[in-house]
N, C-alpha and C. Protein backbone atom coordinates (compact mmCIF):
# COMPACT_ATOMS: atom_id res chain seq x y z
N MET A 1 -13.01 10.71 -36.66
CA MET A 1 -12.79 11.16 -36.21
C MET A 1 -12.64 10.99 -34.86
N LYS A 2 -13.71 10.37 -34.32
CA LYS A 2 -13.71 10.07 -32.64
C LYS A 2 -12.90 8.87 -32.62
N GLN A 3 -12.50 7.55 -33.33
CA GLN A 3 -11.67 6.61 -33.44
C GLN A 3 -10.41 7.32 -33.07
N LEU A 4 -10.01 8.88 -33.93
CA LEU A 4 -8.76 9.04 -34.05
C LEU A 4 -8.59 9.66 -32.14
N LYS A 5 -9.65 10.03 -31.87
CA LYS A 5 -9.56 10.60 -30.25
C LYS A 5 -9.32 9.81 -29.52
N GLU A 6 -10.10 8.56 -29.34
CA GLU A 6 -10.19 7.68 -28.60
C GLU A 6 -8.54 6.83 -29.01
N SER A 7 -7.73 6.98 -29.83
CA SER A 7 -6.81 6.00 -29.60
C SER A 7 -5.79 6.80 -29.21
N ILE A 8 -5.78 7.98 -29.78
CA ILE A 8 -4.86 9.19 -28.70
C ILE A 8 -4.98 9.26 -27.56
N PHE A 9 -6.64 8.89 -26.61
CA PHE A 9 -6.31 9.07 -25.09
C PHE A 9 -5.57 7.49 -24.71
N LYS A 10 -5.67 6.56 -26.02
CA LYS A 10 -5.39 5.24 -25.13
C LYS A 10 -4.12 5.30 -25.02
N VAL A 11 -3.11 5.58 -25.80
CA VAL A 11 -1.89 6.00 -26.01
C VAL A 11 -1.34 7.16 -24.97
N LEU A 12 -2.21 8.05 -24.48
CA LEU A 12 -1.81 8.92 -22.97
C LEU A 12 -1.77 8.07 -22.10
N PHE A 13 -2.96 7.34 -21.93
CA PHE A 13 -3.62 6.73 -20.96
C PHE A 13 -2.32 5.88 -20.36
N LEU A 14 -2.57 4.68 -21.40
CA LEU A 14 -0.86 3.65 -20.98
C LEU A 14 0.52 4.43 -20.88
N GLY A 15 1.06 5.48 -21.19
CA GLY A 15 2.21 6.21 -21.48
C GLY A 15 1.74 7.00 -19.89
N LEU A 16 0.76 7.40 -19.55
CA LEU A 16 0.90 7.42 -17.98
C LEU A 16 0.88 6.69 -16.79
N VAL A 17 0.11 5.31 -17.45
CA VAL A 17 0.26 4.21 -16.73
C VAL A 17 1.60 4.12 -16.39
N PHE A 18 2.58 4.36 -17.72
CA PHE A 18 3.68 3.41 -17.60
C PHE A 18 4.99 4.59 -16.61
N ILE A 19 4.69 5.38 -16.52
CA ILE A 19 5.42 6.69 -16.12
C ILE A 19 4.97 6.52 -14.53
N ALA A 20 3.90 5.80 -14.64
CA ALA A 20 3.36 5.93 -13.04
C ALA A 20 4.50 4.26 -12.23
N VAL A 21 4.03 3.81 -13.23
CA VAL A 21 4.92 1.94 -12.36
C VAL A 21 6.54 2.60 -12.84
N SER A 22 7.03 3.09 -13.34
CA SER A 22 8.61 2.99 -13.67
C SER A 22 8.77 4.11 -12.79
N CYS A 23 8.28 5.28 -11.81
CA CYS A 23 8.65 6.41 -11.20
C CYS A 23 9.43 5.59 -10.08
N GLY A 24 8.85 4.45 -9.16
CA GLY A 24 9.15 4.07 -7.75
C GLY A 24 10.66 3.13 -8.05
N GLY A 25 10.99 2.61 -9.61
CA GLY A 25 11.97 2.12 -10.08
C GLY A 25 13.38 2.33 -9.16
N VAL A 26 13.97 3.25 -9.00
CA VAL A 26 14.94 3.68 -8.61
C VAL A 26 14.71 2.94 -6.63
N ASN A 27 14.28 3.91 -6.61
CA ASN A 27 13.65 3.57 -5.00
C ASN A 27 12.95 1.84 -4.37
N SER A 28 13.09 1.50 -5.28
CA SER A 28 12.41 -0.14 -5.21
C SER A 28 13.85 -1.08 -5.17
N ASP A 29 14.69 -0.60 -6.53
CA ASP A 29 15.52 -1.40 -6.36
C ASP A 29 16.80 -1.22 -5.26
N ALA A 30 16.72 0.00 -4.96
CA ALA A 30 17.83 0.47 -3.81
C ALA A 30 17.30 -0.44 -2.65
N LYS A 31 15.98 -0.11 -2.49
CA LYS A 31 15.37 -1.05 -1.07
C LYS A 31 15.96 -2.57 -1.20
N LYS A 32 15.65 -3.19 -2.21
CA LYS A 32 15.59 -4.55 -2.09
C LYS A 32 17.46 -4.67 -2.31
N ALA A 33 18.18 -4.14 -2.84
CA ALA A 33 19.54 -4.30 -3.09
C ALA A 33 20.12 -3.80 -1.52
N ALA A 34 19.61 -3.45 -0.74
CA ALA A 34 19.85 -2.65 0.90
C ALA A 34 19.38 -3.99 1.43
N LYS A 35 18.16 -5.02 1.41
CA LYS A 35 17.72 -5.99 2.48
C LYS A 35 18.62 -7.03 2.13
N LEU A 36 18.72 -6.89 0.75
CA LEU A 36 19.55 -8.16 0.50
C LEU A 36 21.51 -8.19 1.09
N THR A 37 21.40 -7.04 0.94
CA THR A 37 23.12 -6.98 1.75
C THR A 37 22.80 -7.24 3.13
N ASN A 38 21.63 -6.32 3.82
CA ASN A 38 21.98 -7.08 5.07
C ASN A 38 21.58 -7.77 5.67
N ARG A 39 20.90 -8.76 4.66
CA ARG A 39 20.69 -10.63 5.23
C ARG A 39 21.87 -11.06 4.83
N SER A 40 22.58 -10.59 3.63
CA SER A 40 24.14 -11.50 3.35
C SER A 40 24.87 -11.30 4.40
N ILE A 41 24.75 -9.98 5.06
CA ILE A 41 25.89 -9.58 6.61
C ILE A 41 24.77 -10.20 7.74
N GLU A 42 24.08 -10.63 7.82
CA GLU A 42 23.34 -11.15 8.43
C GLU A 42 24.07 -13.16 8.86
N LYS A 43 23.53 -13.43 7.40
CA LYS A 43 24.30 -14.67 7.83
C LYS A 43 25.22 -14.93 7.30
N THR A 44 26.28 -13.96 7.04
CA THR A 44 27.87 -14.19 7.09
C THR A 44 28.27 -14.18 9.20
N ASN A 45 27.56 -13.71 9.57
CA ASN A 45 27.91 -13.70 10.94
C ASN A 45 26.84 -14.74 11.46
N GLU A 46 26.07 -15.34 11.27
CA GLU A 46 25.40 -17.03 11.42
C GLU A 46 26.58 -17.69 10.99
N LEU A 47 27.86 -17.80 10.04
CA LEU A 47 28.18 -18.56 9.62
C LEU A 47 27.92 -19.16 8.46
N LYS A 48 26.65 -18.88 7.54
CA LYS A 48 26.04 -19.45 6.55
C LYS A 48 26.44 -18.67 5.31
N LEU A 49 27.72 -19.29 5.30
CA LEU A 49 28.48 -18.43 4.03
C LEU A 49 28.21 -18.86 2.38
N GLU A 50 27.58 -19.66 2.07
CA GLU A 50 27.26 -19.84 0.90
C GLU A 50 25.63 -18.92 0.66
N GLU A 51 24.85 -19.02 1.76
CA GLU A 51 23.60 -18.44 1.40
C GLU A 51 24.36 -17.14 1.53
N ALA A 52 25.31 -16.59 2.52
CA ALA A 52 25.23 -15.01 2.50
C ALA A 52 26.23 -14.12 0.92
N GLU A 53 26.66 -15.41 0.37
CA GLU A 53 27.25 -15.04 -0.99
C GLU A 53 26.14 -14.99 -1.86
N LYS A 54 25.41 -15.44 -2.36
CA LYS A 54 23.81 -15.93 -2.96
C LYS A 54 23.47 -14.41 -3.08
N LEU A 55 22.77 -14.38 -1.45
CA LEU A 55 22.17 -13.13 -1.28
C LEU A 55 23.22 -11.64 -1.80
N TYR A 56 24.86 -11.74 -1.52
CA TYR A 56 25.40 -10.83 -1.70
C TYR A 56 25.39 -10.31 -3.54
N LYS A 57 25.66 -11.66 -3.98
CA LYS A 57 25.82 -11.95 -5.33
C LYS A 57 24.22 -10.88 -5.78
N LYS A 58 23.24 -11.43 -5.77
CA LYS A 58 21.85 -10.67 -6.32
C LYS A 58 21.91 -9.31 -5.78
N SER A 59 22.48 -9.31 -4.68
CA SER A 59 22.44 -7.04 -4.40
C SER A 59 23.80 -6.67 -5.00
N GLN A 60 25.08 -7.29 -5.95
CA GLN A 60 25.49 -7.11 -6.81
C GLN A 60 25.12 -6.72 -7.77
N GLU A 61 24.08 -7.38 -8.48
CA GLU A 61 23.42 -7.79 -9.57
C GLU A 61 22.14 -6.34 -9.53
N ILE A 62 21.96 -6.10 -8.77
CA ILE A 62 21.07 -4.59 -9.05
C ILE A 62 21.81 -3.37 -8.57
N ILE A 63 22.93 -3.54 -7.94
CA ILE A 63 24.01 -2.28 -7.85
C ILE A 63 24.86 -1.97 -8.84
N ASN A 64 25.19 -3.04 -9.98
CA ASN A 64 25.96 -2.95 -10.75
C ASN A 64 24.83 -2.52 -12.06
N LYS A 65 23.66 -2.32 -11.75
CA LYS A 65 22.98 -2.05 -12.91
C LYS A 65 23.08 -0.61 -12.76
N TYR A 66 23.27 0.00 -11.60
CA TYR A 66 23.44 1.64 -11.53
C TYR A 66 24.94 2.25 -11.47
N GLU A 67 25.41 1.50 -11.89
CA GLU A 67 27.02 1.79 -11.39
C GLU A 67 27.39 3.06 -12.61
N SER A 68 26.79 2.92 -14.30
CA SER A 68 27.06 3.85 -15.17
C SER A 68 25.12 4.08 -15.51
N HIS A 69 24.68 4.53 -14.59
CA HIS A 69 23.73 4.66 -14.94
C HIS A 69 23.23 6.45 -14.60
N LYS A 70 22.22 6.55 -15.30
CA LYS A 70 21.91 8.02 -15.04
C LYS A 70 21.72 8.89 -13.95
N LYS A 71 20.99 7.70 -13.26
CA LYS A 71 20.42 7.96 -12.13
C LYS A 71 20.86 7.14 -10.86
N SER A 72 22.31 7.15 -10.85
CA SER A 72 23.45 6.26 -9.71
C SER A 72 23.53 6.84 -8.44
N GLU A 73 23.54 7.82 -8.64
CA GLU A 73 23.61 9.24 -7.62
C GLU A 73 22.42 8.91 -6.56
N LYS A 74 21.08 8.72 -6.99
CA LYS A 74 20.22 9.11 -6.20
C LYS A 74 20.03 7.62 -5.81
N PHE A 75 20.01 6.38 -6.63
CA PHE A 75 20.12 5.01 -6.35
C PHE A 75 21.00 4.56 -5.21
N PHE A 76 22.61 4.98 -5.12
CA PHE A 76 23.39 5.27 -4.16
C PHE A 76 23.06 6.15 -3.04
N ASN A 77 22.59 6.83 -3.20
CA ASN A 77 22.16 7.66 -1.99
C ASN A 77 20.75 7.09 -1.07
N LEU A 78 19.70 6.21 -1.54
CA LEU A 78 18.86 5.86 -1.28
C LEU A 78 18.79 3.98 -0.71
N TYR A 79 20.09 3.62 -1.36
CA TYR A 79 20.75 2.37 -0.81
C TYR A 79 21.27 2.69 0.16
N ARG A 80 22.16 3.73 0.29
CA ARG A 80 22.92 3.79 1.84
C ARG A 80 22.20 4.37 2.59
N GLU A 81 20.60 4.91 2.65
CA GLU A 81 19.68 5.31 3.82
C GLU A 81 18.90 3.67 3.82
N HIS A 82 18.57 2.84 2.72
CA HIS A 82 18.01 1.65 3.38
C HIS A 82 18.95 0.42 3.95
N ARG A 83 20.27 1.13 3.73
CA ARG A 83 21.26 -0.39 3.96
C ARG A 83 21.46 -0.12 5.79
N ASP A 84 21.35 1.12 6.35
CA ASP A 84 21.65 1.60 7.68
C ASP A 84 20.46 2.01 8.50
N LYS A 85 19.79 1.92 7.88
CA LYS A 85 18.26 2.22 8.26
C LYS A 85 18.34 1.44 9.85
N GLY A 86 17.87 1.96 11.21
CA GLY A 86 17.80 1.42 12.44
C GLY A 86 19.03 1.46 12.88
N LYS A 87 20.05 1.47 11.75
CA LYS A 87 21.69 0.65 12.45
C LYS A 87 22.26 1.72 13.55
N THR A 88 21.71 3.12 13.28
CA THR A 88 22.08 4.04 14.75
C THR A 88 21.27 3.87 15.98
N ASN A 89 20.10 3.30 15.80
CA ASN A 89 19.77 3.19 16.51
C ASN A 89 20.12 1.65 17.95
N LEU A 90 21.02 0.85 16.72
CA LEU A 90 21.10 -0.39 17.55
C LEU A 90 22.47 0.28 18.26
N GLN A 91 23.64 0.78 17.21
CA GLN A 91 24.39 1.13 17.66
C GLN A 91 24.23 1.82 19.55
N GLU A 92 23.73 3.16 19.07
CA GLU A 92 23.47 4.20 20.37
C GLU A 92 22.62 2.88 21.53
N GLN A 93 22.15 1.63 21.37
CA GLN A 93 21.57 0.77 22.33
C GLN A 93 22.81 0.22 23.05
N LYS A 94 23.75 0.18 21.87
CA LYS A 94 24.73 -1.06 22.75
C LYS A 94 25.95 -0.18 23.26
N SER A 95 25.96 0.87 22.74
CA SER A 95 26.75 2.02 23.94
C SER A 95 26.14 1.85 25.00
N SER A 96 25.00 2.18 25.35
CA SER A 96 24.32 2.74 26.10
C SER A 96 24.64 1.58 27.21
């Protein structure tokens, strides 16, 4: 009986650890894809087109994972948020 309780505890514990680790997945992926996209744009502006293409393709690999995913709306909202973070401040500074 004691072994059964220990086994159940281990399974529940591993399940909770798995859930805790996987919760940040969508946000983490969105942030990474946005960072790659922004770096790709920077490299394009610097005319480093091969580097830009590699970064763009990496971002697209992440983005494509969420095209038909049940959390696609959440991913794309987070992606836009991370991608555009700080851009409004830069635009305001340029117009001043």
